[in-house]
PDB file of N, CA and C in Angstrom:
ATOM      1  N   MET A   1       0.790  -1.258   0.073  1.00  0.00           N
ATOM      2  CA  MET A   1       0.073  -0.195   0.459  1.00  0.00           C
ATOM      3  C   MET A   1       0.980   1.401  -0.414  1.00  0.00           C
ATOM      4  N   GLY A   2       0.575   2.397  -1.133  1.00  0.00           N
ATOM      5  CA  GLY A   2       1.441   3.212  -1.075  1.00  0.00           C
ATOM      6  C   GLY A   2       0.803   4.175  -0.099  1.00  0.00           C
ATOM      7  N   THR A   3       2.057   5.691  -0.370  1.00  0.00           N
ATOM      8  CA  THR A   3       1.759   6.543   0.407  1.00  0.00           C
ATOM      9  C   THR A   3       0.904   7.589  -0.345  1.00  0.00           C
ATOM     10  N   PRO A   4      -0.236   8.119   0.211  1.00  0.00           N
ATOM     11  CA  PRO A   4      -1.111   9.058  -0.359  1.00  0.00           C
ATOM     12  C   PRO A   4      -0.539   9.890  -0.913  1.00  0.00           C
ATOM     13  N   ASN A   5      -1.353  10.430  -2.272  1.00  0.00           N
ATOM     14  CA  ASN A   5      -0.165  11.805  -2.704  1.00  0.00           C
ATOM     15  C   ASN A   5      -0.670  13.410  -1.923  1.00  0.00           C
ATOM     16  N   PRO A   6       0.074  13.570  -2.184  1.00  0.00           N
ATOM     17  CA  PRO A   6      -0.268  15.100  -0.925  1.00  0.00           C
ATOM     18  C   PRO A   6      -1.234  15.866  -1.387  1.00  0.00           C
ATOM     19  N   SER A   7      -0.597  15.942  -2.821  1.00  0.00           N
ATOM     20  CA  SER A   7      -2.124  16.990  -3.434  1.00  0.00           C
ATOM     21  C   SER A   7      -3.655  16.529  -3.420  1.00  0.00           C
ATOM     22  N   ILE A   8      -3.660  15.058  -3.313  1.00  0.00           N
ATOM     23  CA  ILE A   8      -4.945  14.812  -3.622  1.00  0.00           C
ATOM     24  C   ILE A   8      -5.148  14.707  -2.028  1.00  0.00           C
ATOM     25  N   LEU A   9      -4.536  14.396  -0.777  1.00  0.00           N
ATOM     26  CA  LEU A   9      -4.591  14.581   0.292  1.00  0.00           C
ATOM     27  C   LEU A   9      -5.502  16.006   0.659  1.00  0.00           C
ATOM     28  N   ALA A  10      -4.789  17.186   0.118  1.00  0.00           N
ATOM     29  CA  ALA A  10      -4.880  18.367   0.724  1.00  0.00           C
ATOM     30  C   ALA A  10      -6.176  18.729  -0.054  1.00  0.00           C
ATOM     31  N   GLU A  11      -6.285  18.437  -1.393  1.00  0.00           N
ATOM     32  CA  GLU A  11      -7.686  18.495  -2.144  1.00  0.00           C
ATOM     33  C   GLU A  11      -8.754  18.196  -1.229  1.00  0.00           C
ATOM     34  N   ALA A  12      -9.040  16.591  -0.873  1.00  0.00           N
ATOM     35  CA  ALA A  12      -9.531  15.942   0.199  1.00  0.00           C
ATOM     36  C   ALA A  12      -9.877  17.147   1.162  1.00  0.00           C
ATOM     37  N   MET A  13      -8.720  17.589   2.358  1.00  0.00           N
ATOM     38  CA  MET A  13      -8.646  18.420   3.123  1.00  0.00           C
ATOM     39  C   MET A  13      -9.716  19.715   3.080  1.00  0.00           C
ATOM     40  N   ASN A  14      -9.816  20.004   1.918  1.00  0.00           N
ATOM     41  CA  ASN A  14     -10.090  21.350   1.409  1.00  0.00           C
ATOM     42  C   ASN A  14     -11.726  21.396   0.714  1.00  0.00           C
ATOM     43  N   ARG A  15     -12.134  19.949   0.428  1.00  0.00           N
ATOM     44  CA  ARG A  15     -13.893  19.825   0.256  1.00  0.00           C
ATOM     45  C   ARG A  15     -14.337  19.388   1.705  1.00  0.00           C
ATOM     46  N   LEU A  16     -13.770  18.884   2.388  1.00  0.00           N
ATOM     47  CA  LEU A  16     -14.540  19.008   3.171  1.00  0.00           C
ATOM     48  C   LEU A  16     -14.556  20.240   4.450  1.00  0.00           C
ATOM     49  N   TRP A  17     -13.183  20.792   4.423  1.00  0.00           N
ATOM     50  CA  TRP A  17     -13.108  22.220   5.011  1.00  0.00           C
ATOM     51  C   TRP A  17     -14.694  23.154   4.111  1.00  0.00           C
ATOM     52  N   ILE A  18     -14.648  22.967   2.813  1.00  0.00           N
ATOM     53  CA  ILE A  18     -16.045  23.457   2.276  1.00  0.00           C
ATOM     54  C   ILE A  18     -17.056  23.332   2.695  1.00  0.00           C
ATOM     55  N   GLN A  19     -17.296  21.565   2.810  1.00  0.00           N
ATOM     56  CA  GLN A  19     -18.356  21.305   3.886  1.00  0.00           C
ATOM     57  C   GLN A  19     -18.955  21.685   5.311  1.00  0.00           C
ATOM     58  N   PHE A  20     -17.711  21.728   5.616  1.00  0.00           N
ATOM     59  CA  PHE A  20     -17.693  21.582   7.411  1.00  0.00           C
ATOM     60  C   PHE A  20     -18.278  23.187   7.675  1.00  0.00           C
ATOM     61  N   LEU A  21     -17.680  24.361   6.220  1.00  0.00           N
ATOM     62  CA  LEU A  21     -17.425  25.787   7.150  1.00  0.00           C
ATOM     63  C   LEU A  21     -18.602  26.274   7.728  1.00  0.00           C
ATOM     64  N   PRO A  22     -20.037  26.422   6.935  1.00  0.00           N
ATOM     65  CA  PRO A  22     -21.269  27.154   7.690  1.00  0.00           C
ATOM     66  C   PRO A  22     -21.461  26.162   9.109  1.00  0.00           C
ATOM     67  N   GLN A  23     -21.073  25.068   9.289  1.00  0.00           N
ATOM     68  CA  GLN A  23     -21.294  24.697  10.700  1.00  0.00           C
ATOM     69  C   GLN A  23     -19.990  25.335  11.764  1.00  0.00           C
ATOM     70  N   ILE A  24     -18.850  25.335  10.586  1.00  0.00           N
ATOM     71  CA  ILE A  24     -18.247  26.145  12.117  1.00  0.00           C
ATOM     72  C   ILE A  24     -18.340  27.173  12.653  1.00  0.00           C
ATOM     73  N   GLU A  25     -18.889  27.846  10.860  1.00  0.00           N
ATOM     74  CA  GLU A  25     -18.790  29.496  11.273  1.00  0.00           C
ATOM     75  C   GLU A  25     -20.308  29.518  12.498  1.00  0.00           C
ATOM     76  N   LYS A  26     -21.178  28.717  12.337  1.00  0.00           N
ATOM     77  CA  LYS A  26     -22.233  28.808  13.031  1.00  0.00           C
ATOM     78  C   LYS A  26     -21.884  28.777  14.882  1.00  0.00           C
ATOM     79  N   ARG A  27     -20.820  28.003  14.708  1.00  0.00           N
ATOM     80  CA  ARG A  27     -20.163  27.447  16.133  1.00  0.00           C
ATOM     81  C   ARG A  27     -20.246  28.934  16.777  1.00  0.00           C
ATOM     82  N   VAL A  28     -18.947  29.433  15.628  1.00  0.00           N
ATOM     83  CA  VAL A  28     -18.318  30.800  16.444  1.00  0.00           C
ATOM     84  C   VAL A  28     -19.267  31.462  16.670  1.00  0.00           C
ATOM     85  N   SER A  29     -20.109  31.991  15.890  1.00  0.00           N
ATOM     86  CA  SER A  29     -21.395  32.714  15.778  1.00  0.00           C
ATOM     87  C   SER A  29     -22.080  32.692  17.139  1.00  0.00           C
ATOM     88  N   THR A  30     -21.740  31.440  17.927  1.00  0.00           N
ATOM     89  CA  THR A  30     -22.275  31.021  18.939  1.00  0.00           C
ATOM     90  C   THR A  30     -21.954  31.453  20.122  1.00  0.00           C
ATOM     91  N   LEU A  31     -20.290  31.408  20.037  1.00  0.00           N
ATOM     92  CA  LEU A  31     -19.595  31.822  20.878  1.00  0.00           C
ATOM     93  C   LEU A  31     -19.531  33.796  20.976  1.00  0.00           C
ATOM     94  N   GLU A  32     -20.122  34.092  20.041  1.00  0.00           N
ATOM     95  CA  GLU A  32     -19.920  35.826  19.782  1.00  0.00           C
ATOM     96  C   GLU A  32     -21.423  35.950  20.659  1.00  0.00           C
ATOM     97  N   ARG A  33     -22.401  35.354  20.423  1.00  0.00           N
ATOM     98  CA  ARG A  33     -23.331  35.412  20.649  1.00  0.00           C
ATOM     99  C   ARG A  33     -23.293  35.807  22.268  1.00  0.00           C
ATOM    100  N   ALA A  34     -22.858  34.473  23.030  1.00  0.00           N
ATOM    101  CA  ALA A  34     -22.941  34.675  24.328  1.00  0.00           C
ATOM    102  C   ALA A  34     -21.651  35.434  24.507  1.00  0.00           C
ATOM    103  N   ALA A  35     -20.171  35.891  23.848  1.00  0.00           N
ATOM    104  CA  ALA A  35     -19.750  36.445  24.583  1.00  0.00           C
ATOM    105  C   ALA A  35     -20.720  38.050  24.915  1.00  0.00           C
ATOM    106  N   ALA A  36     -21.040  38.138  23.930  1.00  0.00           N
ATOM    107  CA  ALA A  36     -21.751  39.888  23.848  1.00  0.00           C
ATOM    108  C   ALA A  36     -22.624  39.735  24.774  1.00  0.00           C
ATOM    109  N   ALA A  37     -23.833  38.750  25.362  1.00  0.00           N
ATOM    110  CA  ALA A  37     -24.905  38.349  26.426  1.00  0.00           C
ATOM    111  C   ALA A  37     -23.980  38.779  27.799  1.00  0.00           C
ATOM    112  N   LEU A  38     -22.799  37.964  28.146  1.00  0.00           N
ATOM    113  CA  LEU A  38     -21.775  38.078  28.890  1.00  0.00           C
ATOM    114  C   LEU A  38     -21.691  39.833  29.534  1.00  0.00           C
ATOM    115  N   VAL A  39     -20.958  40.316  28.097  1.00  0.00           N
ATOM    116  CA  VAL A  39     -20.712  41.716  28.364  1.00  0.00           C
ATOM    117  C   VAL A  39     -22.260  42.647  28.896  1.00  0.00           C
ATOM    118  N   GLU A  40     -23.385  42.173  28.440  1.00  0.00           N
ATOM    119  CA  GLU A  40     -24.924  42.611  28.607  1.00  0.00           C
ATOM    120  C   GLU A  40     -25.166  42.365  29.931  1.00  0.00           C
ATOM    121  N   GLY A  41     -24.575  41.199  30.776  1.00  0.00           N
ATOM    122  CA  GLY A  41     -24.871  40.683  31.678  1.00  0.00           C
ATOM    123  C   GLY A  41     -26.123  39.656  31.402  1.00  0.00           C
ATOM    124  N   SER A  42     -26.491  39.266  30.516  1.00  0.00           N
ATOM    125  CA  SER A  42     -27.901  38.097  30.272  1.00  0.00           C
ATOM    126  C   SER A  42     -27.630  37.226  29.949  1.00  0.00           C
ATOM    127  N   LEU A  43     -26.136  36.186  30.099  1.00  0.00           N
ATOM    128  CA  LEU A  43     -25.925  35.069  29.595  1.00  0.00           C
ATOM    129  C   LEU A  43     -26.800  34.088  30.160  1.00  0.00           C
ATOM    130  N   THR A  44     -27.315  33.351  30.101  1.00  0.00           N
ATOM    131  CA  THR A  44     -28.402  32.177  30.706  1.00  0.00           C
ATOM    132  C   THR A  44     -27.210  30.898  30.600  1.00  0.00           C
ATOM    133  N   PRO A  45     -28.033  30.061  31.789  1.00  0.00           N
ATOM    134  CA  PRO A  45     -27.194  28.508  31.537  1.00  0.00           C
ATOM    135  C   PRO A  45     -27.338  28.452  30.206  1.00  0.00           C
ATOM    136  N   THR A  46     -28.256  28.090  29.562  1.00  0.00           N
ATOM    137  CA  THR A  46     -28.612  27.487  28.297  1.00  0.00           C
ATOM    138  C   THR A  46     -27.078  27.946  27.265  1.00  0.00           C
ATOM    139  N   GLN A  47     -27.027  29.460  27.285  1.00  0.00           N
ATOM    140  CA  GLN A  47     -26.362  30.103  26.028  1.00  0.00           C
ATOM    141  C   GLN A  47     -24.539  29.407  26.283  1.00  0.00           C
ATOM    142  N   ARG A  48     -24.621  29.531  28.140  1.00  0.00           N
ATOM    143  CA  ARG A  48     -23.467  28.887  28.438  1.00  0.00           C
ATOM    144  C   ARG A  48     -23.186  27.464  27.980  1.00  0.00           C
ATOM    145  N   GLU A  49     -23.800  26.713  28.228  1.00  0.00           N
ATOM    146  CA  GLU A  49     -23.931  25.427  27.798  1.00  0.00           C
ATOM    147  C   GLU A  49     -23.412  25.156  26.394  1.00  0.00           C
ATOM    148  N   GLU A  50     -24.177  25.974  25.741  1.00  0.00           N
ATOM    149  CA  GLU A  50     -24.142  25.869  24.562  1.00  0.00           C
ATOM    150  C   GLU A  50     -23.008  26.280  23.586  1.00  0.00           C
ATOM    151  N   ALA A  51     -22.498  27.674  24.242  1.00  0.00           N
ATOM    152  CA  ALA A  51     -21.340  27.987  23.680  1.00  0.00           C
ATOM    153  C   ALA A  51     -19.673  26.978  24.191  1.00  0.00           C
ATOM    154  N   CYS A  52     -19.877  26.270  25.441  1.00  0.00           N
ATOM    155  CA  CYS A  52     -19.049  25.632  25.698  1.00  0.00           C
ATOM    156  C   CYS A  52     -18.985  24.087  24.822  1.00  0.00           C
ATOM    157  N   SER A  53     -20.526  23.683  24.528  1.00  0.00           N
ATOM    158  CA  SER A  53     -20.212  22.706  23.211  1.00  0.00           C
ATOM    159  C   SER A  53     -19.323  22.974  21.962  1.00  0.00           C
ATOM    160  N   ASP A  54     -20.005  24.017  21.663  1.00  0.00           N
ATOM    161  CA  ASP A  54     -19.677  24.758  20.551  1.00  0.00           C
ATOM    162  C   ASP A  54     -18.490  24.832  20.117  1.00  0.00           C
ATOM    163  N   ALA A  55     -17.763  25.568  21.728  1.00  0.00           N
ATOM    164  CA  ALA A  55     -15.979  25.714  21.410  1.00  0.00           C
ATOM    165  C   ALA A  55     -15.559  24.220  21.584  1.00  0.00           C
ATOM    166  N   HIS A  56     -15.947  23.133  22.469  1.00  0.00           N
ATOM    167  CA  HIS A  56     -15.044  22.172  22.208  1.00  0.00           C
ATOM    168  C   HIS A  56     -15.100  21.824  20.853  1.00  0.00           C
ATOM    169  N   LYS A  57     -16.378  21.922  19.929  1.00  0.00           N
ATOM    170  CA  LYS A  57     -16.152  21.004  18.550  1.00  0.00           C
ATOM    171  C   LYS A  57     -15.742  21.692  17.587  1.00  0.00           C
ATOM    172  N   ILE A  58     -15.363  23.294  18.565  1.00  0.00           N
ATOM    173  CA  ILE A  58     -14.692  23.891  17.269  1.00  0.00           C
ATOM    174  C   ILE A  58     -13.055  23.392  17.401  1.00  0.00           C
ATOM    175  N   ALA A  59     -12.693  23.349  18.624  1.00  0.00           N
ATOM    176  CA  ALA A  59     -11.457  22.752  19.137  1.00  0.00           C
ATOM    177  C   ALA A  59     -10.823  21.749  18.194  1.00  0.00           C
ATOM    178  N   GLY A  60     -12.088  20.579  17.901  1.00  0.00           N
ATOM    179  CA  GLY A  60     -12.060  19.322  17.226  1.00  0.00           C
ATOM    180  C   GLY A  60     -11.863  19.491  16.024  1.00  0.00           C
ATOM    181  N   VAL A  61     -12.280  20.047  15.358  1.00  0.00           N
ATOM    182  CA  VAL A  61     -12.555  20.639  13.919  1.00  0.00           C
ATOM    183  C   VAL A  61     -11.498  21.252  13.403  1.00  0.00           C
ATOM    184  N   LEU A  62     -11.023  22.448  14.544  1.00  0.00           N
ATOM    185  CA  LEU A  62      -9.506  23.064  13.553  1.00  0.00           C
ATOM    186  C   LEU A  62      -8.572  22.438  13.843  1.00  0.00           C
ATOM    187  N   GLY A  63      -8.227  21.231  14.999  1.00  0.00           N
ATOM    188  CA  GLY A  63      -7.593  20.485  15.085  1.00  0.00           C
ATOM    189  C   GLY A  63      -7.247  19.609  14.021  1.00  0.00           C
ATOM    190  N   THR A  64      -8.525  18.886  13.806  1.00  0.00           N
ATOM    191  CA  THR A  64      -7.970  18.209  12.359  1.00  0.00           C
ATOM    192  C   THR A  64      -7.849  18.661  11.282  1.00  0.00           C
ATOM    193  N   PHE A  65      -8.304  20.057  10.875  1.00  0.00           N
ATOM    194  CA  PHE A  65      -7.471  20.632   9.929  1.00  0.00           C
ATOM    195  C   PHE A  65      -5.829  21.411   9.951  1.00  0.00           C
ATOM    196  N   GLY A  66      -5.800  21.258  11.351  1.00  0.00           N
ATOM    197  CA  GLY A  66      -4.142  21.745  11.459  1.00  0.00           C
ATOM    198  C   GLY A  66      -3.836  23.000  11.874  1.00  0.00           C
ATOM    199  N   LEU A  67      -4.896  23.525  12.324  1.00  0.00           N
ATOM    200  CA  LEU A  67      -5.085  24.746  12.978  1.00  0.00           C
ATOM    201  C   LEU A  67      -4.881  25.049  14.405  1.00  0.00           C
ATOM    202  N   ASP A  68      -3.925  24.513  14.614  1.00  0.00           N
ATOM    203  CA  ASP A  68      -3.378  24.624  16.043  1.00  0.00           C
ATOM    204  C   ASP A  68      -3.827  25.662  17.139  1.00  0.00           C
ATOM    205  N   PRO A  69      -3.704  26.819  16.369  1.00  0.00           N
ATOM    206  CA  PRO A  69      -3.622  27.862  17.147  1.00  0.00           C
ATOM    207  C   PRO A  69      -5.337  28.153  17.540  1.00  0.00           C
ATOM    208  N   GLY A  70      -5.900  27.711  16.665  1.00  0.00           N
ATOM    209  CA  GLY A  70      -7.287  27.616  16.901  1.00  0.00           C
ATOM    210  C   GLY A  70      -8.182  26.853  17.230  1.00  0.00           C
ATOM    211  N   THR A  71      -7.530  25.843  17.774  1.00  0.00           N
ATOM    212  CA  THR A  71      -8.008  24.540  18.703  1.00  0.00           C
ATOM    213  C   THR A  71      -7.760  25.172  20.142  1.00  0.00           C
ATOM    214  N   GLU A  72      -6.203  25.841  20.434  1.00  0.00           N
ATOM    215  CA  GLU A  72      -5.664  26.200  21.638  1.00  0.00           C
ATOM    216  C   GLU A  72      -7.058  27.404  22.495  1.00  0.00           C
ATOM    217  N   LEU A  73      -7.215  28.262  20.889  1.00  0.00           N
ATOM    218  CA  LEU A  73      -8.356  29.140  21.558  1.00  0.00           C
ATOM    219  C   LEU A  73      -9.686  29.048  21.554  1.00  0.00           C
ATOM    220  N   ALA A  74     -10.045  27.598  21.580  1.00  0.00           N
ATOM    221  CA  ALA A  74     -11.042  27.532  21.067  1.00  0.00           C
ATOM    222  C   ALA A  74     -11.536  26.345  22.849  1.00  0.00           C
ATOM    223  N   ARG A  75     -10.082  25.789  22.625  1.00  0.00           N
ATOM    224  CA  ARG A  75      -9.890  25.188  24.433  1.00  0.00           C
ATOM    225  C   ARG A  75     -10.268  25.968  25.597  1.00  0.00           C
ATOM    226  N   GLU A  76      -9.159  27.228  25.713  1.00  0.00           N
ATOM    227  CA  GLU A  76      -9.777  28.291  26.260  1.00  0.00           C
ATOM    228  C   GLU A  76     -11.000  28.750  26.309  1.00  0.00           C
ATOM    229  N   ALA A  77     -11.960  29.114  25.380  1.00  0.00           N
ATOM    230  CA  ALA A  77     -13.225  29.141  25.373  1.00  0.00           C
ATOM    231  C   ALA A  77     -13.978  28.284  26.483  1.00  0.00           C
ATOM    232  N   GLU A  78     -14.136  26.897  25.688  1.00  0.00           N
ATOM    233  CA  GLU A  78     -14.313  25.821  26.286  1.00  0.00           C
ATOM    234  C   GLU A  78     -14.101  25.797  27.957  1.00  0.00           C
ATOM    235  N   GLN A  79     -12.793  25.975  28.430  1.00  0.00           N
ATOM    236  CA  GLN A  79     -12.546  25.892  29.785  1.00  0.00           C
ATOM    237  C   GLN A  79     -13.329  27.105  30.546  1.00  0.00           C
ATOM    238  N   LEU A  80     -13.485  28.883  29.752  1.00  0.00           N
ATOM    239  CA  LEU A  80     -14.073  29.580  30.226  1.00  0.00           C
ATOM    240  C   LEU A  80     -15.516  29.191  30.942  1.00  0.00           C
ATOM    241  N   TYR A  81     -15.980  28.972  29.964  1.00  0.00           N
ATOM    242  CA  TYR A  81     -17.483  28.647  29.770  1.00  0.00           C
ATOM    243  C   TYR A  81     -17.835  27.416  30.611  1.00  0.00           C
ATOM    244  N   SER A  82     -16.675  26.569  30.783  1.00  0.00           N
ATOM    245  CA  SER A  82     -17.281  24.983  31.690  1.00  0.00           C
ATOM    246  C   SER A  82     -17.163  25.205  33.194  1.00  0.00           C
ATOM    247  N   SER A  83     -15.878  26.394  33.209  1.00  0.00           N
ATOM    248  CA  SER A  83     -15.695  26.361  34.870  1.00  0.00           C
ATOM    249  C   SER A  83     -16.676  27.462  35.334  1.00  0.00           C
ATOM    250  N   GLY A  84     -17.434  28.400  34.964  1.00  0.00           N
ATOM    251  CA  GLY A  84     -17.913  29.160  35.638  1.00  0.00           C
ATOM    252  C   GLY A  84     -16.979  30.639  35.604  1.00  0.00           C
ATOM    253  N   LEU A  85     -15.699  30.555  35.332  1.00  0.00           N
ATOM    254  CA  LEU A  85     -14.744  31.340  34.912  1.00  0.00           C
ATOM    255  C   LEU A  85     -15.683  32.688  34.352  1.00  0.00           C
ATOM    256  N   VAL A  86     -16.083  32.412  33.691  1.00  0.00           N
ATOM    257  CA  VAL A  86     -16.712  33.530  32.494  1.00  0.00           C
ATOM    258  C   VAL A  86     -17.250  34.597  33.198  1.00  0.00           C
ATOM    259  N   SER A  87     -18.053  34.421  34.586  1.00  0.00           N
ATOM    260  CA  SER A  87     -18.948  34.869  34.967  1.00  0.00           C
ATOM    261  C   SER A  87     -17.826  35.881  35.756  1.00  0.00           C
ATOM    262  N   SER A  88     -16.945  35.801  35.789  1.00  0.00           N
ATOM    263  CA  SER A  88     -16.121  36.773  36.434  1.00  0.00           C
ATOM    264  C   SER A  88     -16.012  38.300  36.324  1.00  0.00           C
ATOM    265  N   SER A  89     -16.036  39.217  36.853  1.00  0.00           N
ATOM    266  CA  SER A  89     -16.038  40.170  35.740  1.00  0.00           C
ATOM    267  C   SER A  89     -14.545  40.511  35.188  1.00  0.00           C
ATOM    268  N   SER A  90     -13.826  40.033  35.490  1.00  0.00           N
ATOM    269  CA  SER A  90     -12.017  39.944  35.081  1.00  0.00           C
ATOM    270  C   SER A  90     -11.684  39.167  33.963  1.00  0.00           C
ATOM    271  N   SER A  91     -13.278  38.292  33.406  1.00  0.00           N
ATOM    272  CA  SER A  91     -12.940  38.225  32.187  1.00  0.00           C
ATOM    273  C   SER A  91     -14.017  38.139  31.263  1.00  0.00           C
ATOM    274  N   ASN A  92     -14.513  38.766  31.596  1.00  0.00           N
ATOM    275  CA  ASN A  92     -15.597  39.732  30.326  1.00  0.00           C
ATOM    276  C   ASN A  92     -15.494  39.882  29.469  1.00  0.00           C
ATOM    277  N   GLY A  93     -14.060  40.705  28.987  1.00  0.00           N
ATOM    278  CA  GLY A  93     -13.843  40.915  27.378  1.00  0.00           C
ATOM    279  C   GLY A  93     -12.936  39.174  26.663  1.00  0.00           C
ATOM    280  N   ARG A  94     -12.173  38.617  27.284  1.00  0.00           N
ATOM    281  CA  ARG A  94     -11.987  37.754  27.275  1.00  0.00           C
ATOM    282  C   ARG A  94     -12.645  36.578  26.159  1.00  0.00           C
ATOM    283  N   PRO A  95     -14.212  35.757  26.498  1.00  0.00           N
ATOM    284  CA  PRO A  95     -14.746  35.374  25.343  1.00  0.00           C
ATOM    285  C   PRO A  95     -15.012  35.981  24.253  1.00  0.00           C
ATOM    286  N   ALA A  96     -15.091  37.490  23.971  1.00  0.00           N
ATOM    287  CA  ALA A  96     -15.566  38.154  23.185  1.00  0.00           C
ATOM    288  C   ALA A  96     -13.743  38.255  21.959  1.00  0.00           C
ATOM    289  N   GLU A  97     -12.594  38.197  22.545  1.00  0.00           N
ATOM    290  CA  GLU A  97     -11.303  38.237  22.275  1.00  0.00           C
ATOM    291  C   GLU A  97     -11.235  37.012  21.637  1.00  0.00           C
ATOM    292  N   LEU A  98     -11.529  35.822  22.379  1.00  0.00           N
ATOM    293  CA  LEU A  98     -11.282  34.525  21.665  1.00  0.00           C
ATOM    294  C   LEU A  98     -12.098  34.484  20.175  1.00  0.00           C
ATOM    295  N   ALA A  99     -13.521  34.602  20.573  1.00  0.00           N
ATOM    296  CA  ALA A  99     -14.449  34.346  19.655  1.00  0.00           C
ATOM    297  C   ALA A  99     -14.086  35.589  18.157  1.00  0.00           C
ATOM    298  N   SER A 100     -13.672  36.129  18.424  1.00  0.00           N
ATOM    299  CA  SER A 100     -13.104  37.255  17.528  1.00  0.00           C
ATOM    300  C   SER A 100     -11.771  36.428  16.989  1.00  0.00           C
ATOM    301  N   GLN A 101     -11.094  36.421  17.589  1.00  0.00           N
ATOM    302  CA  GLN A 101      -9.487  35.714  16.602  1.00  0.00           C
ATOM    303  C   GLN A 101      -9.968  34.221  16.039  1.00  0.00           C
ATOM    304  N   LEU A 102     -11.009  33.728  16.635  1.00  0.00           N
ATOM    305  CA  LEU A 102     -11.499  32.463  15.997  1.00  0.00           C
ATOM    306  C   LEU A 102     -11.937  32.804  14.897  1.00  0.00           C
ATOM    307  N   ARG A 103     -13.134  33.561  14.802  1.00  0.00           N
ATOM    308  CA  ARG A 103     -13.325  33.916  13.692  1.00  0.00           C
ATOM    309  C   ARG A 103     -12.399  34.432  12.422  1.00  0.00           C
ATOM    310  N   GLY A 104     -11.331  35.092  12.838  1.00  0.00           N
ATOM    311  CA  GLY A 104     -10.076  35.461  11.586  1.00  0.00           C
ATOM    312  C   GLY A 104      -9.484  34.283  11.451  1.00  0.00           C
ATOM    313  N   ILE A 105      -9.179  32.947  12.255  1.00  0.00           N
ATOM    314  CA  ILE A 105      -8.706  32.220  11.937  1.00  0.00           C
ATOM    315  C   ILE A 105      -9.272  31.343  10.812  1.00  0.00           C
ATOM    316  N   VAL A 106     -10.719  31.239  11.017  1.00  0.00           N
ATOM    317  CA  VAL A 106     -11.779  30.734  10.477  1.00  0.00           C
ATOM    318  C   VAL A 106     -11.580  31.110   8.762  1.00  0.00           C
ATOM    319  N   ALA A 107     -11.584  32.550   9.123  1.00  0.00           N
ATOM    320  CA  ALA A 107     -11.736  33.427   7.778  1.00  0.00           C
ATOM    321  C   ALA A 107     -10.493  33.143   6.891  1.00  0.00           C
ATOM    322  N   ALA A 108      -9.006  33.384   7.806  1.00  0.00           N
ATOM    323  CA  ALA A 108      -8.033  33.169   6.741  1.00  0.00           C
ATOM    324  C   ALA A 108      -7.964  31.910   6.247  1.00  0.00           C
ATOM    325  N   ARG A 109      -8.373  30.748   6.871  1.00  0.00           N
ATOM    326  CA  ARG A 109      -8.540  29.169   6.148  1.00  0.00           C
ATOM    327  C   ARG A 109      -9.270  29.202   4.727  1.00  0.00           C
ATOM    328  N   GLY A 110     -10.187  30.404   4.918  1.00  0.00           N
ATOM    329  CA  GLY A 110     -10.546  30.316   3.828  1.00  0.00           C
ATOM    330  C   GLY A 110     -11.669  29.583   3.283  1.00  0.00           C
ATOM    331  N   GLN A 111     -11.941  29.009   1.605  1.00  0.00           N
ATOM    332  CA  GLN A 111     -12.749  28.600   1.234  1.00  0.00           C
ATOM    333  C   GLN A 111     -11.428  27.520   0.250  1.00  0.00           C
TER     334      GLN A 111
END
């Protein structure tokens, strides 16, 4: 069994990226909405749980595509939302910053 052709593998990964991009963008939007609600003081437990879950999924997907900086950012967001630290006033700006940076990484990967 031979080694797969790198260009074929890259092409397949690009097709997968395009296929999953709408889901990834939706999950980043979830993080953006949760961060905005946090700043407004209206973050609900359901929003927090959804943000935690979507951050976890983003971390996995970005890791699959070799976007390790995005994986680390998403893991940080997941930790903030899962630990309850997100409610502390000292971290209010960090979730928005993480969501913004994730949005940039996803956009930079492009289509």
